[in-house]
Amino acid sequence: MSGMGLFYSLTKNDDICQFYKKRLVRILPAYLLVSMPFFAWRDFIHLHTGILTFIRDLLFLNFIDHADTTYWFIFFIIVMYLLFPLLFKFLDTASQGKRFLRLLAVLAIYALFSWGLFALNPVIFGNVSIALARVPIFVLGCYFAPQIKRNDRSA
């Protein structure tokens, strides 16, 4: 999954509801099929932590506050899917010069968010840093996708 791939998908069909539906149908059943048995075994049989931990695991809450990175990439993908149409619209509706300034703005917001999270709660920052570290490359994929699609060698 990349910002570039999602760009191709959304430019083929700009219906946001279809975009979300297609992604959720693609990722959630596979995630649940794999994660539910694993978390059930781990939470009920192996660790005996019970139903609340099982639900927290499925909802990625234990990733955020306990650094359980078992399926961190699924959480990251879902968050990027949710944010992508906004990012796409923000970058795609600007002229070339403004696109670069908007890219810088998005990266600055990301940096401020990361710094703020670290300052407010270094533990949670450490727990989710594995996902946060992938955000800039995702954003760059969104930014360079139009040039790559046009086969612009300057990209």
C-alpha atoms as a PDB file:
ATOM      1  CA  MET A   1       0.000   0.000   0.000  1.00  0.00           C
ATOM      2  CA  SER A   2       1.352   3.365  -0.907  1.00  0.00           C
ATOM      3  CA  GLY A   3       0.211   6.884  -1.523  1.00  0.00           C
ATOM      4  CA  MET A   4       1.050   6.371  -5.172  1.00  0.00           C
ATOM      5  CA  GLY A   5      -1.111   3.264  -5.472  1.00  0.00           C
ATOM      6  CA  LEU A   6      -4.057   4.945  -3.801  1.00  0.00           C
ATOM      7  CA  PHE A   7      -3.640   7.915  -6.153  1.00  0.00           C
ATOM      8  CA  TYR A   8      -4.022   5.597  -9.157  1.00  0.00           C
ATOM      9  CA  SER A   9      -7.093   4.031  -7.602  1.00  0.00           C
ATOM     10  CA  LEU A  10      -8.829   7.303  -6.776  1.00  0.00           C
ATOM     11  CA  THR A  11      -8.086   8.855 -10.161  1.00  0.00           C
ATOM     12  CA  LYS A  12      -9.717   5.856 -11.870  1.00  0.00           C
ATOM     13  CA  ASN A  13     -12.902   6.321  -9.849  1.00  0.00           C
ATOM     14  CA  ASP A  14     -13.316   9.448  -7.710  1.00  0.00           C
ATOM     15  CA  ASP A  15     -16.317   8.150  -5.737  1.00  0.00           C
ATOM     16  CA  ILE A  16     -15.086   8.393  -2.120  1.00  0.00           C
ATOM     17  CA  CYS A  17     -17.751   6.001  -0.802  1.00  0.00           C
ATOM     18  CA  GLN A  18     -16.672   3.371  -3.337  1.00  0.00           C
ATOM     19  CA  PHE A  19     -13.034   4.047  -2.443  1.00  0.00           C
ATOM     20  CA  TYR A  20     -13.691   3.363   1.250  1.00  0.00           C
ATOM     21  CA  LYS A  21     -15.983   0.411   0.591  1.00  0.00           C
ATOM     22  CA  LYS A  22     -13.453  -1.249  -1.714  1.00  0.00           C
ATOM     23  CA  ARG A  23     -10.656  -0.876   0.822  1.00  0.00           C
ATOM     24  CA  LEU A  24     -12.672  -1.982   3.837  1.00  0.00           C
ATOM     25  CA  VAL A  25     -13.997  -5.033   2.001  1.00  0.00           C
ATOM     26  CA  ARG A  26     -10.454  -5.839   0.978  1.00  0.00           C
ATOM     27  CA  ILE A  27      -8.755  -5.458   4.345  1.00  0.00           C
ATOM     28  CA  LEU A  28     -11.220  -6.025   7.209  1.00  0.00           C
ATOM     29  CA  PRO A  29     -12.326  -9.602   6.427  1.00  0.00           C
ATOM     30  CA  ALA A  30      -8.711 -10.731   5.982  1.00  0.00           C
ATOM     31  CA  TYR A  31      -7.653  -8.920   9.162  1.00  0.00           C
ATOM     32  CA  LEU A  32     -10.486 -10.432  11.195  1.00  0.00           C
ATOM     33  CA  LEU A  33      -9.942 -13.912   9.729  1.00  0.00           C
ATOM     34  CA  VAL A  34      -6.314 -13.881  10.841  1.00  0.00           C
ATOM     35  CA  SER A  35      -6.399 -11.733  13.982  1.00  0.00           C
ATOM     36  CA  MET A  36      -9.467 -13.112  15.749  1.00  0.00           C
ATOM     37  CA  PRO A  37      -8.124 -16.665  16.144  1.00  0.00           C
ATOM     38  CA  PHE A  38      -4.676 -15.365  17.082  1.00  0.00           C
ATOM     39  CA  PHE A  39      -5.950 -12.896  19.683  1.00  0.00           C
ATOM     40  CA  ALA A  40      -8.475 -15.456  20.986  1.00  0.00           C
ATOM     41  CA  TRP A  41      -5.680 -17.976  21.533  1.00  0.00           C
ATOM     42  CA  ARG A  42      -3.354 -15.395  23.053  1.00  0.00           C
ATOM     43  CA  ASP A  43      -5.879 -13.546  25.230  1.00  0.00           C
ATOM     44  CA  PHE A  44      -8.056 -16.446  26.390  1.00  0.00           C
ATOM     45  CA  ILE A  45      -5.751 -19.482  26.406  1.00  0.00           C
ATOM     46  CA  HIS A  46      -2.129 -18.359  26.581  1.00  0.00           C
ATOM     47  CA  LEU A  47      -2.224 -15.149  28.662  1.00  0.00           C
ATOM     48  CA  HIS A  48      -5.686 -15.507  30.268  1.00  0.00           C
ATOM     49  CA  THR A  49      -6.289 -11.745  29.923  1.00  0.00           C
ATOM     50  CA  GLY A  50      -9.923 -12.055  28.867  1.00  0.00           C
ATOM     51  CA  ILE A  51     -12.512 -10.389  26.690  1.00  0.00           C
ATOM     52  CA  LEU A  52     -11.492  -6.766  27.313  1.00  0.00           C
ATOM     53  CA  THR A  53      -7.941  -7.397  26.144  1.00  0.00           C
ATOM     54  CA  PHE A  54      -9.303  -9.317  23.159  1.00  0.00           C
ATOM     55  CA  ILE A  55     -11.492  -6.339  22.150  1.00  0.00           C
ATOM     56  CA  ARG A  56      -8.639  -3.874  22.763  1.00  0.00           C
ATOM     57  CA  ASP A  57      -6.383  -6.018  20.572  1.00  0.00           C
ATOM     58  CA  LEU A  58      -8.925  -6.127  17.737  1.00  0.00           C
ATOM     59  CA  LEU A  59      -9.413  -2.333  17.917  1.00  0.00           C
ATOM     60  CA  PHE A  60      -5.629  -1.666  18.000  1.00  0.00           C
ATOM     61  CA  LEU A  61      -5.876   0.021  21.397  1.00  0.00           C
ATOM     62  CA  ASN A  62      -3.129  -2.186  22.793  1.00  0.00           C
ATOM     63  CA  PHE A  63      -0.900  -1.062  19.938  1.00  0.00           C
ATOM     64  CA  ILE A  64      -1.362   2.556  20.964  1.00  0.00           C
ATOM     65  CA  ASP A  65      -0.964   2.243  24.716  1.00  0.00           C
ATOM     66  CA  HIS A  66       1.005  -1.006  25.161  1.00  0.00           C
ATOM     67  CA  ALA A  67       3.164  -1.199  22.014  1.00  0.00           C
ATOM     68  CA  ASP A  68       1.597  -4.470  20.870  1.00  0.00           C
ATOM     69  CA  THR A  69       2.911  -4.386  17.312  1.00  0.00           C
ATOM     70  CA  THR A  70       1.411  -7.695  16.206  1.00  0.00           C
ATOM     71  CA  TYR A  71      -0.780  -6.128  13.499  1.00  0.00           C
ATOM     72  CA  TRP A  72       0.462  -2.514  13.601  1.00  0.00           C
ATOM     73  CA  PHE A  73       0.611  -2.336   9.790  1.00  0.00           C
ATOM     74  CA  ILE A  74      -3.127  -3.003   9.502  1.00  0.00           C
ATOM     75  CA  PHE A  75      -3.819  -0.077  11.845  1.00  0.00           C
ATOM     76  CA  PHE A  76      -1.471   2.075   9.765  1.00  0.00           C
ATOM     77  CA  ILE A  77      -3.153   1.048   6.519  1.00  0.00           C
ATOM     78  CA  ILE A  78      -6.620   1.833   7.874  1.00  0.00           C
ATOM     79  CA  VAL A  79      -5.534   5.262   9.117  1.00  0.00           C
ATOM     80  CA  MET A  80      -3.868   6.062   5.775  1.00  0.00           C
ATOM     81  CA  TYR A  81      -6.970   4.883   3.885  1.00  0.00           C
ATOM     82  CA  LEU A  82      -9.096   7.204   6.001  1.00  0.00           C
ATOM     83  CA  LEU A  83      -6.786  10.189   5.513  1.00  0.00           C
ATOM     84  CA  PHE A  84      -5.886   9.648   1.873  1.00  0.00           C
ATOM     85  CA  PRO A  85      -8.899  11.327   0.194  1.00  0.00           C
ATOM     86  CA  LEU A  86      -8.258  14.486   2.238  1.00  0.00           C
ATOM     87  CA  LEU A  87      -4.573  14.439   1.380  1.00  0.00           C
ATOM     88  CA  PHE A  88      -5.356  13.720  -2.263  1.00  0.00           C
ATOM     89  CA  LYS A  89      -7.773  16.649  -2.476  1.00  0.00           C
ATOM     90  CA  PHE A  90      -5.366  18.979  -0.668  1.00  0.00           C
ATOM     91  CA  LEU A  91      -2.440  18.169  -2.982  1.00  0.00           C
ATOM     92  CA  ASP A  92      -4.332  17.556  -6.223  1.00  0.00           C
ATOM     93  CA  THR A  93      -6.339  20.790  -6.323  1.00  0.00           C
ATOM     94  CA  ALA A  94      -3.297  23.068  -6.292  1.00  0.00           C
ATOM     95  CA  SER A  95      -1.103  24.352  -9.099  1.00  0.00           C
ATOM     96  CA  GLN A  96       2.368  22.817  -9.378  1.00  0.00           C
ATOM     97  CA  GLY A  97       4.056  25.571  -7.334  1.00  0.00           C
ATOM     98  CA  LYS A  98       1.405  25.472  -4.652  1.00  0.00           C
ATOM     99  CA  ARG A  99       1.512  21.666  -4.555  1.00  0.00           C
ATOM    100  CA  PHE A 100       5.091  21.814  -3.316  1.00  0.00           C
ATOM    101  CA  LEU A 101       4.175  24.366  -0.640  1.00  0.00           C
ATOM    102  CA  ARG A 102       1.251  22.190   0.394  1.00  0.00           C
ATOM    103  CA  LEU A 103       3.560  19.180   0.574  1.00  0.00           C
ATOM    104  CA  LEU A 104       5.828  21.142   2.879  1.00  0.00           C
ATOM    105  CA  ALA A 105       2.800  22.144   4.964  1.00  0.00           C
ATOM    106  CA  VAL A 106       1.665  18.513   5.303  1.00  0.00           C
ATOM    107  CA  LEU A 107       5.154  17.410   6.312  1.00  0.00           C
ATOM    108  CA  ALA A 108       5.389  20.300   8.792  1.00  0.00           C
ATOM    109  CA  ILE A 109       2.034  19.314  10.323  1.00  0.00           C
ATOM    110  CA  TYR A 110       3.273  15.733  10.567  1.00  0.00           C
ATOM    111  CA  ALA A 111       6.484  16.908  12.269  1.00  0.00           C
ATOM    112  CA  LEU A 112       4.559  19.122  14.701  1.00  0.00           C
ATOM    113  CA  PHE A 113       2.122  16.305  15.473  1.00  0.00           C
ATOM    114  CA  SER A 114       4.982  13.873  16.085  1.00  0.00           C
ATOM    115  CA  TRP A 115       6.867  16.358  18.232  1.00  0.00           C
ATOM    116  CA  GLY A 116       3.718  17.254  20.160  1.00  0.00           C
ATOM    117  CA  LEU A 117       2.898  13.597  20.788  1.00  0.00           C
ATOM    118  CA  PHE A 118       6.449  12.988  21.959  1.00  0.00           C
ATOM    119  CA  ALA A 119       6.312  16.029  24.248  1.00  0.00           C
ATOM    120  CA  LEU A 120       2.895  15.155  25.694  1.00  0.00           C
ATOM    121  CA  ASN A 121       3.300  11.407  25.969  1.00  0.00           C
ATOM    122  CA  PRO A 122       6.681   9.896  25.068  1.00  0.00           C
ATOM    123  CA  VAL A 123       5.430   6.400  25.914  1.00  0.00           C
ATOM    124  CA  ILE A 124       2.599   6.497  23.381  1.00  0.00           C
ATOM    125  CA  PHE A 125       4.946   8.135  20.874  1.00  0.00           C
ATOM    126  CA  GLY A 126       7.359   5.233  21.336  1.00  0.00           C
ATOM    127  CA  ASN A 127       4.536   2.728  20.988  1.00  0.00           C
ATOM    128  CA  VAL A 128       3.318   4.106  17.654  1.00  0.00           C
ATOM    129  CA  SER A 129       6.642   5.322  16.253  1.00  0.00           C
ATOM    130  CA  ILE A 130       6.854   2.248  14.024  1.00  0.00           C
ATOM    131  CA  ALA A 131       3.789   3.559  12.155  1.00  0.00           C
ATOM    132  CA  LEU A 132       4.628   7.266  12.410  1.00  0.00           C
ATOM    133  CA  ALA A 133       7.963   6.659  10.703  1.00  0.00           C
ATOM    134  CA  ARG A 134       6.122   5.523   7.552  1.00  0.00           C
ATOM    135  CA  VAL A 135       3.940   8.614   7.151  1.00  0.00           C
ATOM    136  CA  PRO A 136       6.444  10.809   5.254  1.00  0.00           C
ATOM    137  CA  ILE A 137       7.092   8.203   2.556  1.00  0.00           C
ATOM    138  CA  PHE A 138       3.347   7.697   2.164  1.00  0.00           C
ATOM    139  CA  VAL A 139       2.875  11.464   1.731  1.00  0.00           C
ATOM    140  CA  LEU A 140       5.737  11.633  -0.772  1.00  0.00           C
ATOM    141  CA  GLY A 141       4.103   8.817  -2.742  1.00  0.00           C
ATOM    142  CA  CYS A 142       0.910  10.899  -2.904  1.00  0.00           C
ATOM    143  CA  TYR A 143       2.877  13.943  -4.001  1.00  0.00           C
ATOM    144  CA  PHE A 144       4.911  12.274  -6.771  1.00  0.00           C
ATOM    145  CA  ALA A 145       2.124  10.021  -8.084  1.00  0.00           C
ATOM    146  CA  PRO A 146       0.838  12.482 -10.740  1.00  0.00           C
ATOM    147  CA  GLN A 147       4.317  12.884 -12.234  1.00  0.00           C
ATOM    148  CA  ILE A 148       4.886   9.141 -12.195  1.00  0.00           C
ATOM    149  CA  LYS A 149       1.507   8.545 -13.831  1.00  0.00           C
ATOM    150  CA  ARG A 150       2.434  11.037 -16.584  1.00  0.00           C
ATOM    151  CA  ASN A 151       5.806   9.267 -16.915  1.00  0.00           C
ATOM    152  CA  ASP A 152       7.507  12.578 -16.071  1.00  0.00           C
ATOM    153  CA  ARG A 153      11.176  11.685 -15.597  1.00  0.00           C
ATOM    154  CA  SER A 154      11.753  14.719 -13.342  1.00  0.00           C
ATOM    155  CA  ALA A 155       9.767  12.929 -10.611  1.00  0.00           C
END
